[in-house]
Structure formats: structure tokens, C-alpha cells
Amino acid sequence: TFYWYAELFRSADTFNALKNTLILAVSSALIATVIGTFASLGLDRMRHRVVRGAVRSLTNIPMMNPDIVTGISMMLLFVFVGNLLGSTDKLNFWTLLIAHVTFNLPYVILNVSPKFRQMDKFLPEAALDLGCTPAQSFFKVELPNIMPGIVTGFIMAFTLSLDDFVISYFCSGSDFQTLPILIYSMTKKEVKPDIYALSTIMILAILLLLILSTLSSDKDDRKRRGFSG
């Protein structure tokens, strides 16, 4: 009922967990999108096919690994590094951010790389011939062409980070709780109906993002067909 939607806005713990989740999702998605875009650019520029194939396979490892394997492995790595540095707070927001960027990165590369392959290879050369520097050629010519892939990669990274529980459970500290971890802790006692209300709002928000992503891809396809025609 609508009563529980009102209760949702009175729950400090739920809103704090939601705030943490959104901060983590937006931060990890932005970092993964920037790194993934330049990684896709580097893969596109590689001339040695064997090396390019090996690097592509390597970037897919976090995507193919079971979440529990990735989560435990990264937790052990963070604890080991924390012991080396003598840190008392071995797991915190920053370890969680690194873990989320790691598993988001392959999905960004998966969405951006095809856009480089679909782009006319003569466009950057034409921009350089007309006086652009390599940086200007990338930002003024290549970036607009691959933007639909970047937007799709960002949205996918955002939704995956928003949804993740297993990796977050192993890599987060006691001072930073995301919404999936909060819901899991509630299952040991009782899940309040205000969480169901929040879940409904999140589903609608993610559905809207997916619709926008699909519309962006369709617009890019129509534009490309128009140019080829």
C-alpha cells in the first residue's frame, strides 16, 4: 500500500544504504566507463592480432568468473595489501569501489569496442589531414561516433553495480553498507514492506534507463543506415 511508500521516506537506515549504493554505483560506473573507453581505443589501435586477442580474453576474466570467486579473491588481495601497509581498516569504501570498477570494466569494453569497429576508419585520418591534433581528432570526431556505446556501457555498469551483492559482501567494511547488504541482513529477522516499495521504485528507474539505452542504440542504427544509404 502507499502507507509503506510513506514509511520508506521515514527510514534513516534504508535511505543511508540507498545513498551509499547510488554513490558507489555512479562512481564505479563513471570510472569504469572512462577506463573502458580508452582501453577499447587501445585495443582498436593494436596491430598485432594475437596480442589483441590475448588482451581481450584477459579483460573478459572478471565477466566469466563466478561472483563468489571474484569476491573472495579480491577480499584476500585487499587484506594482504592492507597487512603490508599496516592498515587497520583493510576493507572500506575504496576497496569496494575498486572491486566494482573491476567487474564493471569488461561490460563497458564489450559495448564500446564494437562502435570503434563500426566507425569509418578514414574519419580520424581526414580530421588529422584537416589540421586536428590526435587529441582533437578523438574528442571531436571519434567520441561522437562511439557515444551510444559509451552511454550503453555506463548504464550497464551502473545497473550491475546497483544490483551486486556477492562481491560487495566480501569487499565492504562495517562502516559502509549498501542496499543489497542491508536487505540480506534483514532476511535473518524480517524484511519490512518499505523495502518492497523501494524495490518497486528501483525497478521502474532501471526500466527507464534500459528504455533510454535502447532508444539511443536505435537512433544510432538509423543514423548509420541513413549515412550508408
Protein backbone atom coordinates (compact mmCIF):
# COMPACT_ATOMS: atom_id res chain seq x y z
CA THR A 1 0.00 0.00 0.00
CA PHE A 2 1.00 3.64 -0.24
CA TYR A 3 1.48 3.65 3.54
CA TRP A 4 4.77 1.80 3.11
CA TYR A 5 5.97 4.28 0.50
CA ALA A 6 5.49 6.97 3.15
CA GLU A 7 7.30 4.80 5.71
CA LEU A 8 10.15 4.40 3.27
CA PHE A 9 10.89 8.13 3.39
CA ARG A 10 10.99 8.00 7.21
CA SER A 11 13.55 5.18 7.40
CA ALA A 12 17.04 6.63 8.00
CA ASP A 13 18.84 3.27 7.69
CA THR A 14 17.24 2.45 4.34
CA PHE A 15 17.97 5.89 2.90
CA ASN A 16 21.57 5.80 4.13
CA ALA A 17 22.05 2.40 2.44
CA LEU A 18 20.39 3.71 -0.74
CA LYS A 19 22.64 6.79 -0.71
CA ASN A 20 25.73 4.58 -0.31
CA THR A 21 24.55 2.32 -3.13
CA LEU A 22 23.95 5.22 -5.52
CA ILE A 23 27.30 6.87 -4.69
CA LEU A 24 29.08 3.57 -5.29
CA ALA A 25 27.16 2.78 -8.49
CA VAL A 26 27.67 6.21 -10.08
CA SER A 27 31.35 6.43 -9.07
CA SER A 28 32.25 2.92 -10.25
CA ALA A 29 30.27 3.30 -13.48
CA LEU A 30 31.96 6.62 -14.32
CA ILE A 31 35.47 5.30 -13.61
CA ALA A 32 34.82 2.03 -15.47
CA THR A 33 33.38 3.96 -18.45
CA VAL A 34 36.42 6.24 -18.74
CA ILE A 35 38.93 3.39 -18.37
CA GLY A 36 36.89 1.08 -20.61
CA THR A 37 36.60 3.69 -23.38
CA PHE A 38 40.35 4.29 -23.53
CA ALA A 39 41.00 0.54 -23.21
CA SER A 40 38.73 -0.02 -26.23
CA LEU A 41 40.63 2.70 -28.09
CA GLY A 42 43.92 0.96 -27.28
CA LEU A 43 42.56 -2.42 -28.40
CA ASP A 44 41.33 -0.88 -31.64
CA ARG A 45 44.78 0.61 -32.31
CA MET A 46 46.65 -2.65 -31.66
CA ARG A 47 48.18 -4.05 -34.84
CA HIS A 48 49.27 -7.47 -33.55
CA ARG A 49 46.18 -9.69 -33.73
CA VAL A 50 47.49 -12.33 -31.30
CA VAL A 51 48.30 -9.72 -28.63
CA ARG A 52 44.92 -8.02 -29.17
CA GLY A 53 43.09 -11.33 -28.81
CA ALA A 54 45.03 -12.17 -25.64
CA VAL A 55 44.23 -8.79 -24.08
CA ARG A 56 40.53 -9.14 -24.99
CA SER A 57 40.43 -12.58 -23.36
CA LEU A 58 42.16 -11.19 -20.27
CA THR A 59 39.63 -8.37 -19.88
CA ASN A 60 36.78 -10.91 -20.02
CA ILE A 61 38.01 -12.86 -16.98
CA PRO A 62 36.04 -10.81 -14.38
CA MET A 63 32.91 -11.25 -16.51
CA MET A 64 33.32 -15.04 -16.85
CA ASN A 65 34.35 -15.73 -13.25
CA PRO A 66 31.64 -16.62 -10.72
CA ASP A 67 30.95 -13.65 -8.45
CA ILE A 68 31.89 -15.57 -5.34
CA VAL A 69 35.34 -16.40 -6.78
CA THR A 70 35.95 -12.76 -7.72
CA GLY A 71 34.69 -11.53 -4.35
CA ILE A 72 36.81 -13.86 -2.23
CA SER A 73 39.89 -13.32 -4.40
CA MET A 74 39.64 -9.54 -4.18
CA MET A 75 38.97 -9.68 -0.43
CA LEU A 76 42.14 -11.74 0.10
CA LEU A 77 44.09 -9.30 -2.09
CA PHE A 78 42.84 -6.26 -0.14
CA VAL A 79 43.57 -7.89 3.22
CA PHE A 80 47.08 -8.85 2.03
CA VAL A 81 47.82 -5.32 0.79
CA GLY A 82 46.33 -3.86 3.95
CA ASN A 83 48.63 -6.02 6.09
CA LEU A 84 51.64 -4.91 4.02
CA LEU A 85 50.71 -1.26 4.53
CA GLY A 86 49.91 -1.78 8.19
CA SER A 87 46.37 -0.52 7.75
CA THR A 88 43.80 -1.14 10.48
CA ASP A 89 40.88 -0.57 8.11
CA LYS A 90 41.57 -3.16 5.42
CA LEU A 91 38.10 -3.18 3.85
CA ASN A 92 36.29 0.11 3.25
CA PHE A 93 34.59 2.20 0.57
CA TRP A 94 37.75 2.35 -1.57
CA THR A 95 38.22 -1.42 -1.69
CA LEU A 96 34.56 -1.77 -2.62
CA LEU A 97 34.94 0.87 -5.35
CA ILE A 98 37.97 -0.93 -6.83
CA ALA A 99 36.08 -4.24 -6.80
CA HIS A 100 33.06 -2.72 -8.58
CA VAL A 101 35.21 -1.00 -11.21
CA THR A 102 36.97 -4.32 -11.83
CA PHE A 103 33.83 -6.31 -12.62
CA ASN A 104 32.17 -3.41 -14.50
CA LEU A 105 35.10 -2.82 -16.84
CA PRO A 106 34.58 -5.80 -19.21
CA TYR A 107 30.95 -4.79 -19.83
CA VAL A 108 31.99 -1.27 -20.84
CA ILE A 109 34.65 -2.63 -23.21
CA LEU A 110 32.08 -5.07 -24.60
CA ASN A 111 29.77 -2.15 -25.52
CA VAL A 112 32.36 0.39 -26.71
CA SER A 113 34.67 -1.86 -28.79
CA PRO A 114 32.04 -2.66 -31.49
CA LYS A 115 31.47 1.07 -32.03
CA PHE A 116 35.14 1.52 -32.92
CA ARG A 117 34.88 -1.37 -35.40
CA GLN A 118 31.70 0.08 -36.96
CA MET A 119 33.19 3.56 -37.36
CA ASP A 120 34.65 4.64 -40.68
CA LYS A 121 38.42 4.28 -40.25
CA PHE A 122 39.07 7.19 -42.61
CA LEU A 123 37.30 9.76 -40.40
CA PRO A 124 40.20 10.22 -37.91
CA GLU A 125 42.68 10.38 -40.81
CA ALA A 126 40.56 13.03 -42.52
CA ALA A 127 40.45 15.05 -39.28
CA LEU A 128 44.24 14.86 -38.98
CA ASP A 129 44.64 15.95 -42.62
CA LEU A 130 42.40 18.95 -41.91
CA GLY A 131 44.66 20.13 -39.08
CA CYS A 132 43.35 18.39 -35.95
CA THR A 133 45.77 17.08 -33.37
CA PRO A 134 45.31 13.40 -32.38
CA ALA A 135 43.50 14.52 -29.20
CA GLN A 136 41.18 16.84 -31.16
CA SER A 137 40.52 14.07 -33.67
CA PHE A 138 39.45 11.73 -30.88
CA PHE A 139 37.23 14.16 -28.97
CA LYS A 140 35.65 15.90 -31.99
CA VAL A 141 35.34 13.01 -34.46
CA GLU A 142 35.65 9.60 -32.82
CA LEU A 143 33.95 10.32 -29.48
CA PRO A 144 30.59 11.42 -31.02
CA ASN A 145 30.58 8.26 -33.15
CA ILE A 146 31.14 5.89 -30.21
CA MET A 147 28.94 7.82 -27.74
CA PRO A 148 25.96 5.39 -27.96
CA GLY A 149 28.27 2.55 -26.91
CA ILE A 150 29.66 4.66 -24.06
CA VAL A 151 26.16 5.52 -22.81
CA THR A 152 25.07 1.86 -23.01
CA GLY A 153 28.23 0.73 -21.21
CA PHE A 154 27.70 3.31 -18.45
CA ILE A 155 24.08 2.28 -17.93
CA MET A 156 25.01 -1.41 -17.81
CA ALA A 157 27.84 -0.73 -15.35
CA PHE A 158 25.52 1.36 -13.21
CA THR A 159 22.79 -1.29 -13.05
CA LEU A 160 25.28 -4.10 -12.34
CA SER A 161 26.87 -2.12 -9.51
CA LEU A 162 23.44 -1.21 -8.13
CA ASP A 163 22.41 -4.87 -8.10
CA ASP A 164 25.61 -6.52 -6.83
CA PHE A 165 25.55 -8.37 -3.53
CA VAL A 166 28.15 -11.17 -3.53
CA ILE A 167 31.25 -9.08 -4.35
CA SER A 168 30.03 -6.21 -2.14
CA TYR A 169 29.51 -8.62 0.76
CA PHE A 170 33.13 -9.79 0.69
CA CYS A 171 34.83 -6.46 -0.13
CA SER A 172 32.96 -3.96 2.03
CA GLY A 173 33.81 -2.86 5.56
CA SER A 174 31.49 -2.47 8.54
CA ASP A 175 31.28 1.33 8.06
CA PHE A 176 29.84 1.23 4.53
CA GLN A 177 26.62 -0.71 3.91
CA THR A 178 24.93 -0.96 0.52
CA LEU A 179 21.25 -1.67 -0.02
CA PRO A 180 21.65 -5.35 -1.06
CA ILE A 181 23.71 -5.99 2.09
CA LEU A 182 21.08 -4.24 4.23
CA ILE A 183 18.30 -6.35 2.70
CA TYR A 184 20.35 -9.51 3.29
CA SER A 185 20.81 -8.59 6.95
CA MET A 186 17.04 -8.08 7.24
CA THR A 187 16.29 -11.58 5.94
CA LYS A 188 17.72 -13.02 9.16
CA LYS A 189 14.85 -11.34 11.06
CA GLU A 190 12.14 -9.69 8.96
CA VAL A 191 12.07 -7.73 5.72
CA LYS A 192 9.91 -4.67 6.20
CA PRO A 193 7.38 -3.84 3.44
CA ASP A 194 9.04 -0.44 2.89
CA ILE A 195 11.89 -2.37 1.22
CA TYR A 196 9.35 -3.76 -1.25
CA ALA A 197 8.25 -0.21 -2.01
CA LEU A 198 11.87 0.83 -2.59
CA SER A 199 12.43 -2.21 -4.83
CA THR A 200 9.44 -1.18 -6.96
CA ILE A 201 10.85 2.34 -7.38
CA MET A 202 14.28 0.95 -8.31
CA ILE A 203 12.79 -1.47 -10.88
CA LEU A 204 10.92 1.40 -12.53
CA ALA A 205 14.07 3.57 -12.55
CA ILE A 206 16.19 0.79 -14.10
CA LEU A 207 13.45 0.09 -16.66
CA LEU A 208 13.55 3.77 -17.66
CA LEU A 209 17.35 3.61 -18.05
CA LEU A 210 17.09 0.50 -20.23
CA ILE A 211 14.44 2.16 -22.43
CA LEU A 212 16.69 5.21 -22.85
CA SER A 213 19.62 2.92 -23.72
CA THR A 214 17.54 1.08 -26.33
CA LEU A 215 16.31 4.34 -27.86
CA SER A 216 19.91 5.61 -28.04
CA SER A 217 21.04 2.44 -29.84
CA ASP A 218 18.08 2.59 -32.25
CA LYS A 219 18.83 6.24 -33.06
CA ASP A 220 22.46 5.33 -33.76
CA ASP A 221 21.40 2.47 -36.05
CA ARG A 222 19.02 4.72 -38.01
CA LYS A 223 21.72 7.35 -38.34
CA ARG A 224 24.22 4.78 -39.59
CA ARG A 225 21.70 3.38 -42.11
CA GLY A 226 20.98 6.91 -43.30
CA PHE A 227 24.69 7.55 -43.94
CA SER A 228 25.13 4.23 -45.74
CA GLY A 229 22.05 4.92 -47.87
